[in-house]
Amino acid sequence: MNREDRLRLWRAERAVDRMEEMDRKVFLAIRVEELSYSEIAQRFGITVADVEWHFAGSLRVLMVAMDEKDPWWWRFRF
């Protein structure tokens, strides 16, 4: 794994850590466990619309995190 891949993975892990609890649970159920929206809704006792809402929230967090600049980058600019 090259440096860029490691950095992307680190950002993604950090983003998942920053998600609201239910957003994180829904995101992991969809992306890792590959459950359907209806299965997730049944598991957590929420509606399919709520699953969509939480998944959208998790994707917003992930998109913002993946778009961030390297935290060290500013130190090396002259």
C-alpha atoms as a PDB file:
ATOM      1  CA  MET A   1       0.000   0.000   0.000  1.00  0.00           C
ATOM      2  CA  ASN A   2       1.509   3.325  -0.990  1.00  0.00           C
ATOM      3  CA  ARG A   3       1.450   6.525   1.056  1.00  0.00           C
ATOM      4  CA  GLU A   4      -1.621   7.962  -0.695  1.00  0.00           C
ATOM      5  CA  ASP A   5      -3.624   4.795  -0.083  1.00  0.00           C
ATOM      6  CA  ARG A   6      -2.615   4.748   3.582  1.00  0.00           C
ATOM      7  CA  LEU A   7      -3.624   8.393   3.934  1.00  0.00           C
ATOM      8  CA  ARG A   8      -7.030   7.757   2.327  1.00  0.00           C
ATOM      9  CA  LEU A   9      -7.592   4.776   4.612  1.00  0.00           C
ATOM     10  CA  TRP A  10      -6.592   6.829   7.662  1.00  0.00           C
ATOM     11  CA  ARG A  11      -9.007   9.610   6.641  1.00  0.00           C
ATOM     12  CA  ALA A  12     -11.836   7.133   6.088  1.00  0.00           C
ATOM     13  CA  GLU A  13     -11.257   5.497   9.483  1.00  0.00           C
ATOM     14  CA  ARG A  14     -11.158   8.897  11.158  1.00  0.00           C
ATOM     15  CA  ALA A  15     -14.392   9.884   9.402  1.00  0.00           C
ATOM     16  CA  VAL A  16     -16.156   6.735  10.593  1.00  0.00           C
ATOM     17  CA  ASP A  17     -14.993   7.497  14.141  1.00  0.00           C
ATOM     18  CA  ARG A  18     -16.508  11.008  13.881  1.00  0.00           C
ATOM     19  CA  MET A  19     -19.933   9.857  12.683  1.00  0.00           C
ATOM     20  CA  GLU A  20     -22.945  10.009  14.958  1.00  0.00           C
ATOM     21  CA  GLU A  21     -23.595   6.608  16.525  1.00  0.00           C
ATOM     22  CA  MET A  22     -26.611   5.626  14.422  1.00  0.00           C
ATOM     23  CA  ASP A  23     -25.025   7.041  11.234  1.00  0.00           C
ATOM     24  CA  ARG A  24     -21.972   4.856  11.895  1.00  0.00           C
ATOM     25  CA  LYS A  25     -24.075   1.754  12.615  1.00  0.00           C
ATOM     26  CA  VAL A  26     -26.093   2.217   9.434  1.00  0.00           C
ATOM     27  CA  PHE A  27     -22.992   2.974   7.343  1.00  0.00           C
ATOM     28  CA  LEU A  28     -21.183  -0.154   8.566  1.00  0.00           C
ATOM     29  CA  ALA A  29     -24.289  -2.304   8.121  1.00  0.00           C
ATOM     30  CA  ILE A  30     -24.589  -1.158   4.498  1.00  0.00           C
ATOM     31  CA  ARG A  31     -20.917  -1.066   3.494  1.00  0.00           C
ATOM     32  CA  VAL A  32     -19.383  -3.832   5.609  1.00  0.00           C
ATOM     33  CA  GLU A  33     -22.222  -6.250   6.340  1.00  0.00           C
ATOM     34  CA  GLU A  34     -23.909  -5.523   2.984  1.00  0.00           C
ATOM     35  CA  LEU A  35     -27.396  -5.559   4.492  1.00  0.00           C
ATOM     36  CA  SER A  36     -30.396  -4.130   2.671  1.00  0.00           C
ATOM     37  CA  TYR A  37     -32.124  -0.996   3.894  1.00  0.00           C
ATOM     38  CA  SER A  38     -35.122  -3.036   5.051  1.00  0.00           C
ATOM     39  CA  GLU A  39     -32.888  -5.460   6.985  1.00  0.00           C
ATOM     40  CA  ILE A  40     -31.170  -2.544   8.691  1.00  0.00           C
ATOM     41  CA  ALA A  41     -34.491  -0.882   9.496  1.00  0.00           C
ATOM     42  CA  GLN A  42     -35.717  -4.089  11.087  1.00  0.00           C
ATOM     43  CA  ARG A  43     -32.467  -4.610  13.030  1.00  0.00           C
ATOM     44  CA  PHE A  44     -32.486  -1.128  14.569  1.00  0.00           C
ATOM     45  CA  GLY A  45     -36.254  -0.657  14.827  1.00  0.00           C
ATOM     46  CA  ILE A  46     -36.352   2.353  12.503  1.00  0.00           C
ATOM     47  CA  THR A  47     -38.002   3.077   9.164  1.00  0.00           C
ATOM     48  CA  VAL A  48     -36.356   2.657   5.768  1.00  0.00           C
ATOM     49  CA  ALA A  49     -36.543   6.455   5.420  1.00  0.00           C
ATOM     50  CA  ASP A  50     -34.546   6.744   8.653  1.00  0.00           C
ATOM     51  CA  VAL A  51     -31.957   4.325   7.248  1.00  0.00           C
ATOM     52  CA  GLU A  52     -31.667   6.527   4.153  1.00  0.00           C
ATOM     53  CA  TRP A  53     -31.340   9.630   6.337  1.00  0.00           C
ATOM     54  CA  HIS A  54     -28.599   8.133   8.524  1.00  0.00           C
ATOM     55  CA  PHE A  55     -26.722   6.753   5.521  1.00  0.00           C
ATOM     56  CA  ALA A  56     -26.811  10.168   3.834  1.00  0.00           C
ATOM     57  CA  GLY A  57     -25.472  11.736   7.031  1.00  0.00           C
ATOM     58  CA  SER A  58     -22.618   9.255   7.169  1.00  0.00           C
ATOM     59  CA  LEU A  59     -21.748   9.924   3.534  1.00  0.00           C
ATOM     60  CA  ARG A  60     -21.628  13.676   4.205  1.00  0.00           C
ATOM     61  CA  VAL A  61     -19.112  13.120   7.012  1.00  0.00           C
ATOM     62  CA  LEU A  62     -17.074  10.822   4.797  1.00  0.00           C
ATOM     63  CA  MET A  63     -17.053  13.232   1.846  1.00  0.00           C
ATOM     64  CA  VAL A  64     -15.898  16.134   4.012  1.00  0.00           C
ATOM     65  CA  ALA A  65     -13.150  14.020   5.594  1.00  0.00           C
ATOM     66  CA  MET A  66     -11.891  12.698   2.269  1.00  0.00           C
ATOM     67  CA  ASP A  67     -11.691  16.221   0.867  1.00  0.00           C
ATOM     68  CA  GLU A  68      -9.517  17.552   3.710  1.00  0.00           C
ATOM     69  CA  LYS A  69      -5.949  18.557   3.020  1.00  0.00           C
ATOM     70  CA  ASP A  70      -3.147  16.693   4.740  1.00  0.00           C
ATOM     71  CA  PRO A  71      -2.824  18.020   8.300  1.00  0.00           C
ATOM     72  CA  TRP A  72       0.939  18.405   7.891  1.00  0.00           C
ATOM     73  CA  TRP A  73       0.825  20.020   4.460  1.00  0.00           C
ATOM     74  CA  TRP A  74       0.657  23.656   5.631  1.00  0.00           C
ATOM     75  CA  ARG A  75       3.901  23.313   7.599  1.00  0.00           C
ATOM     76  CA  PHE A  76       5.998  22.748   4.479  1.00  0.00           C
ATOM     77  CA  ARG A  77       4.734  25.593   2.349  1.00  0.00           C
ATOM     78  CA  PHE A  78       6.973  28.600   1.936  1.00  0.00           C
END
